C-alpha cells in the first residue's frame, strides 16, 4: 500500500482561498516544483497528485523540470483536472474541450493517470439519472483521446455522484481507460457509508483522495461541504483502516493520498504542513498494520 499527498491539501498556499469567510489567507505562497515537491520528498511519500490549476501545465519547460525532479525522487504521480465543477455533469462543452486539451499534458510530467471531475455539489439535487446519462455520453466522446495517449482517466466522486452511480458511469463508458479516484470523505458528504462505498468502487480504483472529515458542531448535514470539514487523517469520522483493507484486498496499486480542503477547528490554526504530516504518519501506520496482518496470515 503506497502513501501519497494531493497538492490540493495546500490550495491556500497556491492562492485559492474559499470566499464567504470560510477561510483566511495564510499569507504563504508555494510553487509546485520549488516548494510542494521538496516537501513531499522530505516526508518520504511514494506518490504525489499534481493539481493542474496550481502549476503552468501548458509550459513544456516547466513540465520537463517538474518531471525531472519527480523522476529523481522516484515519486509516482497523478495529475488532477476539473476543479471545481468539472464537466458540469455532461453539460459544458467548453469544459469538455479543456479536459481533452489536458490529457496529453499527463505524459509531459510522466503521469499515466489523470483524475477528472464530472460535476460538483452544485448538482447534488438534480436528476441523477439524467446526470449519469449525460456524463456517460460525454466521456464516451473523450475516452479515445485518453486511449491514444495511454492515459487512464480517474473519475472522482465529487459530492455529485454516489459510488454506485460512479460505477454506472464506468460501465456505461466501457473502457479500461476510465477508472476511479475514490474520495473517502466525499462519500460521507453524500451520506454513504465510506467503507461500503470503497467496496463498490474498489475493483475500479486507481487513485484516492484519502480524506478524513468531522461534523461541524451545529452544522446542518445537508450543507454537504461546510458542515463536513476536513481533519488530519485519523482524527475524523472515516474508518480509513477499513477502507485501506478493502482496497488492498481488491489489489489496489495506487496510494492512500492525503487530501484536505476546508480544514476544521482546531486544526485550522495549524500550518498545512503540520496537518498533512500528521496524516501521512497515520497512513504509514495503516500500511505497517496491513503488512503485519499479511505476515500473520
C-alpha atoms as a PDB file:
ATOM      1  CA  UNK A   1       0.000   0.000   0.000  1.00  0.00           C
ATOM      2  CA  UNK A   2       1.510   3.328  -1.105  1.00  0.00           C
ATOM      3  CA  UNK A   3       1.146   6.634   0.724  1.00  0.00           C
ATOM      4  CA  UNK A   4       0.861   9.950  -1.102  1.00  0.00           C
ATOM      5  CA  UNK A   5      -0.144  13.600  -0.960  1.00  0.00           C
ATOM      6  CA  UNK A   6      -2.520  15.519  -3.200  1.00  0.00           C
ATOM      7  CA  UNK A   7      -1.269  19.048  -3.756  1.00  0.00           C
ATOM      8  CA  UNK A   8      -4.821  20.310  -3.199  1.00  0.00           C
ATOM      9  CA  UNK A   9      -4.099  19.959   0.515  1.00  0.00           C
ATOM     10  CA  UNK A  10      -2.118  23.182   0.058  1.00  0.00           C
ATOM     11  CA  UNK A  11      -4.696  25.031  -2.034  1.00  0.00           C
ATOM     12  CA  UNK A  12      -4.412  28.145   0.146  1.00  0.00           C
ATOM     13  CA  UNK A  13      -0.650  28.192  -0.426  1.00  0.00           C
ATOM     14  CA  UNK A  14      -1.330  28.050  -4.163  1.00  0.00           C
ATOM     15  CA  UNK A  15      -3.644  31.063  -3.904  1.00  0.00           C
ATOM     16  CA  UNK A  16      -7.113  29.522  -3.698  1.00  0.00           C
ATOM     17  CA  UNK A  17      -8.908  30.940  -0.656  1.00  0.00           C
ATOM     18  CA  UNK A  18     -12.550  29.956  -0.197  1.00  0.00           C
ATOM     19  CA  UNK A  19     -14.788  33.004  -0.178  1.00  0.00           C
ATOM     20  CA  UNK A  20     -17.721  33.775   2.068  1.00  0.00           C
ATOM     21  CA  UNK A  21     -15.488  33.990   5.102  1.00  0.00           C
ATOM     22  CA  UNK A  22     -14.819  30.250   5.066  1.00  0.00           C
ATOM     23  CA  UNK A  23     -11.047  30.664   5.036  1.00  0.00           C
ATOM     24  CA  UNK A  24      -8.374  33.215   5.765  1.00  0.00           C
ATOM     25  CA  UNK A  25      -5.293  33.766   3.641  1.00  0.00           C
ATOM     26  CA  UNK A  26      -2.251  32.334   5.462  1.00  0.00           C
ATOM     27  CA  UNK A  27      -0.001  34.676   3.507  1.00  0.00           C
ATOM     28  CA  UNK A  28       2.152  31.790   2.251  1.00  0.00           C
ATOM     29  CA  UNK A  29       2.601  31.105  -1.453  1.00  0.00           C
ATOM     30  CA  UNK A  30       4.058  27.944  -2.921  1.00  0.00           C
ATOM     31  CA  UNK A  31       5.376  26.819  -6.276  1.00  0.00           C
ATOM     32  CA  UNK A  32       4.691  23.221  -7.288  1.00  0.00           C
ATOM     33  CA  UNK A  33       8.288  22.497  -8.300  1.00  0.00           C
ATOM     34  CA  UNK A  34      10.105  24.674  -5.790  1.00  0.00           C
ATOM     35  CA  UNK A  35       8.008  24.012  -2.674  1.00  0.00           C
ATOM     36  CA  UNK A  36       5.484  21.187  -2.911  1.00  0.00           C
ATOM     37  CA  UNK A  37       7.752  18.559  -4.439  1.00  0.00           C
ATOM     38  CA  UNK A  38      10.591  19.101  -1.922  1.00  0.00           C
ATOM     39  CA  UNK A  39       8.040  18.933   0.912  1.00  0.00           C
ATOM     40  CA  UNK A  40       6.693  15.615  -0.385  1.00  0.00           C
ATOM     41  CA  UNK A  41      10.218  14.269  -0.829  1.00  0.00           C
ATOM     42  CA  UNK A  42      11.032  15.244   2.760  1.00  0.00           C
ATOM     43  CA  UNK A  43       8.073  13.227   4.056  1.00  0.00           C
ATOM     44  CA  UNK A  44       9.227  10.187   2.077  1.00  0.00           C
ATOM     45  CA  UNK A  45       5.897   9.526   0.400  1.00  0.00           C
ATOM     46  CA  UNK A  46       5.513   7.299  -2.639  1.00  0.00           C
ATOM     47  CA  UNK A  47       3.196   9.328  -4.873  1.00  0.00           C
ATOM     48  CA  UNK A  48       2.065  12.890  -5.466  1.00  0.00           C
ATOM     49  CA  UNK A  49      -1.046  14.229  -7.171  1.00  0.00           C
ATOM     50  CA  UNK A  50      -0.450  17.458  -9.059  1.00  0.00           C
ATOM     51  CA  UNK A  51      -3.464  19.744  -9.440  1.00  0.00           C
ATOM     52  CA  UNK A  52      -3.152  21.288 -12.894  1.00  0.00           C
ATOM     53  CA  UNK A  53      -4.654  24.590 -11.724  1.00  0.00           C
ATOM     54  CA  UNK A  54      -1.631  25.065  -9.467  1.00  0.00           C
ATOM     55  CA  UNK A  55       1.224  24.903 -11.974  1.00  0.00           C
ATOM     56  CA  UNK A  56       1.765  26.092 -15.572  1.00  0.00           C
ATOM     57  CA  UNK A  57       0.567  22.872 -17.120  1.00  0.00           C
ATOM     58  CA  UNK A  58       0.905  24.115 -20.704  1.00  0.00           C
ATOM     59  CA  UNK A  59       4.529  25.226 -20.216  1.00  0.00           C
ATOM     60  CA  UNK A  60       6.705  22.463 -21.685  1.00  0.00           C
ATOM     61  CA  UNK A  61       9.851  23.723 -19.985  1.00  0.00           C
ATOM     62  CA  UNK A  62       8.269  23.852 -16.540  1.00  0.00           C
ATOM     63  CA  UNK A  63       6.738  20.410 -17.007  1.00  0.00           C
ATOM     64  CA  UNK A  64      10.090  18.963 -18.091  1.00  0.00           C
ATOM     65  CA  UNK A  65      11.731  20.337 -14.956  1.00  0.00           C
ATOM     66  CA  UNK A  66       8.872  19.008 -12.821  1.00  0.00           C
ATOM     67  CA  UNK A  67       9.165  15.566 -14.411  1.00  0.00           C
ATOM     68  CA  UNK A  68      12.911  15.522 -13.851  1.00  0.00           C
ATOM     69  CA  UNK A  69      12.503  16.373 -10.169  1.00  0.00           C
ATOM     70  CA  UNK A  70       9.862  13.677  -9.686  1.00  0.00           C
ATOM     71  CA  UNK A  71      11.955  11.127 -11.568  1.00  0.00           C
ATOM     72  CA  UNK A  72      14.992  11.925  -9.435  1.00  0.00           C
ATOM     73  CA  UNK A  73      12.926  11.439  -6.278  1.00  0.00           C
ATOM     74  CA  UNK A  74      11.377   8.202  -7.540  1.00  0.00           C
ATOM     75  CA  UNK A  75       7.870   9.555  -6.967  1.00  0.00           C
ATOM     76  CA  UNK A  76       4.849   8.128  -8.756  1.00  0.00           C
ATOM     77  CA  UNK A  77       2.474  10.810  -9.935  1.00  0.00           C
ATOM     78  CA  UNK A  78      -1.105  11.630 -10.911  1.00  0.00           C
ATOM     79  CA  UNK A  79      -2.358  14.879 -12.399  1.00  0.00           C
ATOM     80  CA  UNK A  80      -5.729  16.336 -11.498  1.00  0.00           C
ATOM     81  CA  UNK A  81      -8.168  18.194 -13.763  1.00  0.00           C
ATOM     82  CA  UNK A  82     -11.632  19.605 -13.204  1.00  0.00           C
ATOM     83  CA  UNK A  83     -11.707  21.759 -10.098  1.00  0.00           C
ATOM     84  CA  UNK A  84     -14.228  22.956  -9.081  1.00  0.00           C
ATOM     85  CA  UNK A  85     -17.149  21.765 -11.252  1.00  0.00           C
ATOM     86  CA  UNK A  86     -15.607  19.579 -13.949  1.00  0.00           C
ATOM     87  CA  UNK A  87     -17.823  18.717 -16.888  1.00  0.00           C
ATOM     88  CA  UNK A  88     -20.920  20.159 -15.194  1.00  0.00           C
ATOM     89  CA  UNK A  89     -22.450  16.666 -15.406  1.00  0.00           C
ATOM     90  CA  UNK A  90     -22.002  16.458 -19.148  1.00  0.00           C
ATOM     91  CA  UNK A  91     -23.475  19.860 -19.986  1.00  0.00           C
ATOM     92  CA  UNK A  92     -20.383  22.015 -20.565  1.00  0.00           C
ATOM     93  CA  UNK A  93     -18.708  21.684 -23.966  1.00  0.00           C
ATOM     94  CA  UNK A  94     -16.076  24.280 -23.059  1.00  0.00           C
ATOM     95  CA  UNK A  95     -15.067  22.239 -20.018  1.00  0.00           C
ATOM     96  CA  UNK A  96     -15.032  19.099 -22.160  1.00  0.00           C
ATOM     97  CA  UNK A  97     -12.666  20.719 -24.644  1.00  0.00           C
ATOM     98  CA  UNK A  98     -10.433  21.809 -21.769  1.00  0.00           C
ATOM     99  CA  UNK A  99     -10.308  18.269 -20.399  1.00  0.00           C
ATOM    100  CA  UNK A 100      -9.329  16.946 -23.817  1.00  0.00           C
ATOM    101  CA  UNK A 101      -6.616  19.605 -24.055  1.00  0.00           C
ATOM    102  CA  UNK A 102      -5.182  18.497 -20.721  1.00  0.00           C
ATOM    103  CA  UNK A 103      -4.967  14.763 -21.436  1.00  0.00           C
ATOM    104  CA  UNK A 104      -1.687  14.977 -23.427  1.00  0.00           C
ATOM    105  CA  UNK A 105      -0.166  17.032 -20.611  1.00  0.00           C
ATOM    106  CA  UNK A 106      -0.064  13.985 -18.335  1.00  0.00           C
ATOM    107  CA  UNK A 107       2.829  12.473 -20.243  1.00  0.00           C
ATOM    108  CA  UNK A 108       4.709  15.775 -20.025  1.00  0.00           C
ATOM    109  CA  UNK A 109       5.212  15.159 -16.296  1.00  0.00           C
ATOM    110  CA  UNK A 110       5.435  11.392 -16.604  1.00  0.00           C
ATOM    111  CA  UNK A 111       1.925  10.632 -15.336  1.00  0.00           C
ATOM    112  CA  UNK A 112      -0.280   7.841 -16.637  1.00  0.00           C
ATOM    113  CA  UNK A 113      -3.351   8.783 -14.592  1.00  0.00           C
ATOM    114  CA  UNK A 114      -5.391  11.987 -14.809  1.00  0.00           C
ATOM    115  CA  UNK A 115      -8.039  12.498 -12.159  1.00  0.00           C
ATOM    116  CA  UNK A 116     -11.158  14.097 -13.610  1.00  0.00           C
ATOM    117  CA  UNK A 117     -14.370  15.552 -12.202  1.00  0.00           C
ATOM    118  CA  UNK A 118     -17.794  15.134 -13.777  1.00  0.00           C
ATOM    119  CA  UNK A 119     -19.639  17.591 -11.538  1.00  0.00           C
ATOM    120  CA  UNK A 120     -19.814  19.004  -8.034  1.00  0.00           C
ATOM    121  CA  UNK A 121     -22.206  19.598  -5.164  1.00  0.00           C
ATOM    122  CA  UNK A 122     -23.852  22.267  -7.336  1.00  0.00           C
ATOM    123  CA  UNK A 123     -25.725  19.403  -8.959  1.00  0.00           C
ATOM    124  CA  UNK A 124     -26.434  17.167  -5.984  1.00  0.00           C
ATOM    125  CA  UNK A 125     -30.190  17.867  -6.121  1.00  0.00           C
ATOM    126  CA  UNK A 126     -30.518  17.492  -9.909  1.00  0.00           C
ATOM    127  CA  UNK A 127     -31.961  14.436 -11.631  1.00  0.00           C
ATOM    128  CA  UNK A 128     -29.184  11.894 -11.076  1.00  0.00           C
ATOM    129  CA  UNK A 129     -30.369   9.524 -13.802  1.00  0.00           C
ATOM    130  CA  UNK A 130     -30.014  12.342 -16.332  1.00  0.00           C
ATOM    131  CA  UNK A 131     -26.653  13.347 -14.851  1.00  0.00           C
ATOM    132  CA  UNK A 132     -25.353   9.805 -15.259  1.00  0.00           C
ATOM    133  CA  UNK A 133     -26.696   9.573 -18.823  1.00  0.00           C
ATOM    134  CA  UNK A 134     -25.109  12.885 -19.878  1.00  0.00           C
ATOM    135  CA  UNK A 135     -21.788  12.061 -18.240  1.00  0.00           C
ATOM    136  CA  UNK A 136     -21.602   8.702 -19.993  1.00  0.00           C
ATOM    137  CA  UNK A 137     -22.304  10.302 -23.365  1.00  0.00           C
ATOM    138  CA  UNK A 138     -19.667  12.997 -22.902  1.00  0.00           C
ATOM    139  CA  UNK A 139     -16.998  10.679 -21.544  1.00  0.00           C
ATOM    140  CA  UNK A 140     -17.571   8.213 -24.382  1.00  0.00           C
ATOM    141  CA  UNK A 141     -16.650  11.020 -26.752  1.00  0.00           C
ATOM    142  CA  UNK A 142     -13.453  11.774 -24.894  1.00  0.00           C
ATOM    143  CA  UNK A 143     -12.131   8.389 -23.874  1.00  0.00           C
ATOM    144  CA  UNK A 144     -10.494   7.703 -27.243  1.00  0.00           C
ATOM    145  CA  UNK A 145      -8.129  10.622 -26.659  1.00  0.00           C
ATOM    146  CA  UNK A 146      -7.076   9.096 -23.356  1.00  0.00           C
ATOM    147  CA  UNK A 147      -6.590   5.715 -25.018  1.00  0.00           C
ATOM    148  CA  UNK A 148      -4.477   7.273 -27.777  1.00  0.00           C
ATOM    149  CA  UNK A 149      -2.157   8.859 -25.202  1.00  0.00           C
ATOM    150  CA  UNK A 150      -2.002   5.870 -22.872  1.00  0.00           C
ATOM    151  CA  UNK A 151      -3.671   7.850 -20.089  1.00  0.00           C
ATOM    152  CA  UNK A 152      -6.198   6.467 -17.632  1.00  0.00           C
ATOM    153  CA  UNK A 153      -8.889   8.924 -16.580  1.00  0.00           C
ATOM    154  CA  UNK A 154      -9.814   8.500 -12.907  1.00  0.00           C
ATOM    155  CA  UNK A 155     -13.313   9.783 -12.172  1.00  0.00           C
ATOM    156  CA  UNK A 156     -13.718  11.253  -8.690  1.00  0.00           C
ATOM    157  CA  UNK A 157     -16.858  11.098  -6.577  1.00  0.00           C
ATOM    158  CA  UNK A 158     -17.025  14.876  -6.129  1.00  0.00           C
ATOM    159  CA  UNK A 159     -20.128  15.359  -3.971  1.00  0.00           C
ATOM    160  CA  UNK A 160     -22.053  14.785  -7.195  1.00  0.00           C
ATOM    161  CA  UNK A 161     -22.407  11.039  -7.669  1.00  0.00           C
ATOM    162  CA  UNK A 162     -22.671   8.147  -5.246  1.00  0.00           C
ATOM    163  CA  UNK A 163     -20.258   5.253  -5.567  1.00  0.00           C
ATOM    164  CA  UNK A 164     -22.945   3.173  -7.290  1.00  0.00           C
ATOM    165  CA  UNK A 165     -23.554   5.971  -9.811  1.00  0.00           C
ATOM    166  CA  UNK A 166     -19.813   6.239 -10.454  1.00  0.00           C
ATOM    167  CA  UNK A 167     -19.808   2.524 -11.270  1.00  0.00           C
ATOM    168  CA  UNK A 168     -22.801   3.042 -13.590  1.00  0.00           C
ATOM    169  CA  UNK A 169     -20.839   5.695 -15.480  1.00  0.00           C
ATOM    170  CA  UNK A 170     -17.779   3.459 -15.805  1.00  0.00           C
ATOM    171  CA  UNK A 171     -19.813   0.515 -17.021  1.00  0.00           C
ATOM    172  CA  UNK A 172     -21.717   2.777 -19.409  1.00  0.00           C
ATOM    173  CA  UNK A 173     -18.496   4.081 -20.973  1.00  0.00           C
ATOM    174  CA  UNK A 174     -16.938   0.627 -21.030  1.00  0.00           C
ATOM    175  CA  UNK A 175     -13.252   1.465 -21.338  1.00  0.00           C
ATOM    176  CA  UNK A 176     -10.218   0.242 -19.415  1.00  0.00           C
ATOM    177  CA  UNK A 177      -9.000   3.831 -19.630  1.00  0.00           C
ATOM    178  CA  UNK A 178     -11.760   5.107 -17.336  1.00  0.00           C
ATOM    179  CA  UNK A 179     -11.323   4.173 -13.676  1.00  0.00           C
ATOM    180  CA  UNK A 180     -11.988   5.724 -10.245  1.00  0.00           C
ATOM    181  CA  UNK A 181     -10.351   8.259  -7.963  1.00  0.00           C
ATOM    182  CA  UNK A 182     -12.101   7.406  -4.688  1.00  0.00           C
ATOM    183  CA  UNK A 183     -12.610  10.294  -2.252  1.00  0.00           C
ATOM    184  CA  UNK A 184     -13.240   8.808   1.182  1.00  0.00           C
ATOM    185  CA  UNK A 185     -14.681  11.985   2.688  1.00  0.00           C
ATOM    186  CA  UNK A 186     -16.944  12.895  -0.198  1.00  0.00           C
ATOM    187  CA  UNK A 187     -18.741   9.578   0.147  1.00  0.00           C
ATOM    188  CA  UNK A 188     -19.849  10.530   3.674  1.00  0.00           C
ATOM    189  CA  UNK A 189     -20.800  14.010   2.446  1.00  0.00           C
ATOM    190  CA  UNK A 190     -23.321  12.194   0.230  1.00  0.00           C
ATOM    191  CA  UNK A 191     -24.457  10.181   3.273  1.00  0.00           C
ATOM    192  CA  UNK A 192     -22.885   6.952   2.047  1.00  0.00           C
ATOM    193  CA  UNK A 193     -21.078   4.524   4.322  1.00  0.00           C
ATOM    194  CA  UNK A 194     -17.478   5.180   3.191  1.00  0.00           C
ATOM    195  CA  UNK A 195     -16.434   1.564   3.722  1.00  0.00           C
ATOM    196  CA  UNK A 196     -19.313   0.249   1.614  1.00  0.00           C
ATOM    197  CA  UNK A 197     -18.569   2.915  -0.996  1.00  0.00           C
ATOM    198  CA  UNK A 198     -14.987   1.653  -1.069  1.00  0.00           C
ATOM    199  CA  UNK A 199     -16.270  -1.889  -1.669  1.00  0.00           C
ATOM    200  CA  UNK A 200     -18.363  -0.626  -4.581  1.00  0.00           C
ATOM    201  CA  UNK A 201     -15.521   1.134  -6.368  1.00  0.00           C
ATOM    202  CA  UNK A 202     -12.541  -0.985  -5.278  1.00  0.00           C
ATOM    203  CA  UNK A 203     -12.408  -3.087  -8.486  1.00  0.00           C
ATOM    204  CA  UNK A 204     -12.033   0.126 -10.497  1.00  0.00           C
ATOM    205  CA  UNK A 205      -9.928   2.245  -8.140  1.00  0.00           C
ATOM    206  CA  UNK A 206      -6.546   3.549  -9.317  1.00  0.00           C
ATOM    207  CA  UNK A 207      -6.162   6.637  -7.102  1.00  0.00           C
ATOM    208  CA  UNK A 208      -7.610   8.114  -3.927  1.00  0.00           C
ATOM    209  CA  UNK A 209      -8.257  11.282  -2.027  1.00  0.00           C
ATOM    210  CA  UNK A 210      -7.792   9.856   1.444  1.00  0.00           C
ATOM    211  CA  UNK A 211      -9.753  12.469   3.323  1.00  0.00           C
ATOM    212  CA  UNK A 212     -10.903  12.408   6.929  1.00  0.00           C
ATOM    213  CA  UNK A 213     -13.787  14.665   7.961  1.00  0.00           C
ATOM    214  CA  UNK A 214     -15.731  15.708  11.028  1.00  0.00           C
ATOM    215  CA  UNK A 215     -19.250  17.052  11.511  1.00  0.00           C
ATOM    216  CA  UNK A 216     -19.151  20.745  12.368  1.00  0.00           C
ATOM    217  CA  UNK A 217     -20.919  21.497  15.619  1.00  0.00           C
ATOM    218  CA  UNK A 218     -24.472  22.698  14.973  1.00  0.00           C
ATOM    219  CA  UNK A 219     -23.871  22.389  11.224  1.00  0.00           C
ATOM    220  CA  UNK A 220     -26.763  21.064   9.130  1.00  0.00           C
ATOM    221  CA  UNK A 221     -25.504  17.852   7.420  1.00  0.00           C
ATOM    222  CA  UNK A 222     -27.298  18.684   4.178  1.00  0.00           C
ATOM    223  CA  UNK A 223     -24.831  21.505   3.584  1.00  0.00           C
ATOM    224  CA  UNK A 224     -22.574  18.686   2.300  1.00  0.00           C
ATOM    225  CA  UNK A 225     -19.332  20.693   2.479  1.00  0.00           C
ATOM    226  CA  UNK A 226     -19.236  23.408   5.120  1.00  0.00           C
ATOM    227  CA  UNK A 227     -20.811  21.095   7.706  1.00  0.00           C
ATOM    228  CA  UNK A 228     -18.287  18.334   6.975  1.00  0.00           C
ATOM    229  CA  UNK A 229     -14.836  19.972   7.106  1.00  0.00           C
ATOM    230  CA  UNK A 230     -11.506  18.148   6.849  1.00  0.00           C
ATOM    231  CA  UNK A 231      -9.394  16.865   9.701  1.00  0.00           C
ATOM    232  CA  UNK A 232      -5.944  15.267   9.649  1.00  0.00           C
ATOM    233  CA  UNK A 233      -6.190  11.604   8.705  1.00  0.00           C
ATOM    234  CA  UNK A 234      -7.015   9.593  11.786  1.00  0.00           C
ATOM    235  CA  UNK A 235      -8.706  12.455  13.625  1.00  0.00           C
ATOM    236  CA  UNK A 236     -12.137  12.288  11.994  1.00  0.00           C
ATOM    237  CA  UNK A 237     -15.088  10.003  11.329  1.00  0.00           C
ATOM    238  CA  UNK A 238     -13.801   7.935   8.407  1.00  0.00           C
ATOM    239  CA  UNK A 239     -12.630   4.381   9.085  1.00  0.00           C
ATOM    240  CA  UNK A 240      -9.520   4.694   6.932  1.00  0.00           C
ATOM    241  CA  UNK A 241      -8.054   1.396   8.096  1.00  0.00           C
ATOM    242  CA  UNK A 242     -11.154  -0.499   6.986  1.00  0.00           C
ATOM    243  CA  UNK A 243     -11.094   1.303   3.638  1.00  0.00           C
ATOM    244  CA  UNK A 244      -7.407   0.501   3.192  1.00  0.00           C
ATOM    245  CA  UNK A 245      -8.158  -3.181   3.854  1.00  0.00           C
ATOM    246  CA  UNK A 246     -10.926  -3.157   1.232  1.00  0.00           C
ATOM    247  CA  UNK A 247      -8.694  -1.546  -1.382  1.00  0.00           C
ATOM    248  CA  UNK A 248      -5.755  -3.785  -0.565  1.00  0.00           C
ATOM    249  CA  UNK A 249      -7.860  -6.948  -0.869  1.00  0.00           C
ATOM    250  CA  UNK A 250      -9.005  -5.720  -4.301  1.00  0.00           C
ATOM    251  CA  UNK A 251      -5.399  -5.415  -5.486  1.00  0.00           C
ATOM    252  CA  UNK A 252      -5.255  -1.609  -5.414  1.00  0.00           C
ATOM    253  CA  UNK A 253      -1.829  -0.416  -6.605  1.00  0.00           C
ATOM    254  CA  UNK A 254      -2.180   3.332  -6.084  1.00  0.00           C
ATOM    255  CA  UNK A 255      -1.672   5.389  -2.964  1.00  0.00           C
ATOM    256  CA  UNK A 256      -3.651   6.475   0.028  1.00  0.00           C
ATOM    257  CA  UNK A 257      -3.165  10.123  -0.899  1.00  0.00           C
ATOM    258  CA  UNK A 258      -3.858  12.743   1.745  1.00  0.00           C
ATOM    259  CA  UNK A 259      -6.265  15.475   0.643  1.00  0.00           C
ATOM    260  CA  UNK A 260      -7.584  18.250   2.859  1.00  0.00           C
ATOM    261  CA  UNK A 261      -9.957  21.003   1.763  1.00  0.00           C
ATOM    262  CA  UNK A 262     -11.910  23.087   4.287  1.00  0.00           C
ATOM    263  CA  UNK A 263      -9.979  22.446   7.496  1.00  0.00           C
ATOM    264  CA  UNK A 264     -11.949  22.132  10.726  1.00  0.00           C
ATOM    265  CA  UNK A 265     -11.259  23.570  14.138  1.00  0.00           C
ATOM    266  CA  UNK A 266      -8.925  23.191  15.969  1.00  0.00           C
ATOM    267  CA  UNK A 267      -6.598  22.106  13.157  1.00  0.00           C
ATOM    268  CA  UNK A 268      -7.229  25.190  11.027  1.00  0.00           C
ATOM    269  CA  UNK A 269      -4.932  27.153  13.334  1.00  0.00           C
ATOM    270  CA  UNK A 270      -2.016  24.862  12.438  1.00  0.00           C
ATOM    271  CA  UNK A 271       0.086  25.161   9.283  1.00  0.00           C
ATOM    272  CA  UNK A 272      -0.940  22.946   6.394  1.00  0.00           C
ATOM    273  CA  UNK A 273       2.473  21.252   6.578  1.00  0.00           C
ATOM    274  CA  UNK A 274       1.785  20.020  10.113  1.00  0.00           C
ATOM    275  CA  UNK A 275      -1.725  18.728   9.349  1.00  0.00           C
ATOM    276  CA  UNK A 276      -0.531  16.876   6.268  1.00  0.00           C
ATOM    277  CA  UNK A 277       2.484  15.462   8.098  1.00  0.00           C
ATOM    278  CA  UNK A 278       0.194  14.068  10.811  1.00  0.00           C
ATOM    279  CA  UNK A 279      -1.965  12.467   8.157  1.00  0.00           C
ATOM    280  CA  UNK A 280       0.984  10.943   6.317  1.00  0.00           C
ATOM    281  CA  UNK A 281       2.298   9.450   9.566  1.00  0.00           C
ATOM    282  CA  UNK A 282      -1.133   7.977  10.290  1.00  0.00           C
ATOM    283  CA  UNK A 283      -1.391   6.415   6.828  1.00  0.00           C
ATOM    284  CA  UNK A 284       2.101   4.976   7.112  1.00  0.00           C
ATOM    285  CA  UNK A 285       0.887   3.390  10.341  1.00  0.00           C
ATOM    286  CA  UNK A 286      -2.025   1.844   8.438  1.00  0.00           C
ATOM    287  CA  UNK A 287       0.435   0.458   5.913  1.00  0.00           C
ATOM    288  CA  UNK A 288       2.511  -1.103   8.666  1.00  0.00           C
ATOM    289  CA  UNK A 289      -0.601  -2.674  10.159  1.00  0.00           C
ATOM    290  CA  UNK A 290      -1.657  -4.146   6.827  1.00  0.00           C
ATOM    291  CA  UNK A 291       1.821  -5.565   6.334  1.00  0.00           C
ATOM    292  CA  UNK A 292       1.742  -7.068   9.812  1.00  0.00           C
ATOM    293  CA  UNK A 293      -1.669  -8.633   9.173  1.00  0.00           C
ATOM    294  CA  UNK A 294      -0.387 -10.199   5.958  1.00  0.00           C
ATOM    295  CA  UNK A 295       2.622 -11.516   7.817  1.00  0.00           C
ATOM    296  CA  UNK A 296       0.382 -13.266  10.330  1.00  0.00           C
ATOM    297  CA  UNK A 297      -1.891 -14.727   7.662  1.00  0.00           C
END
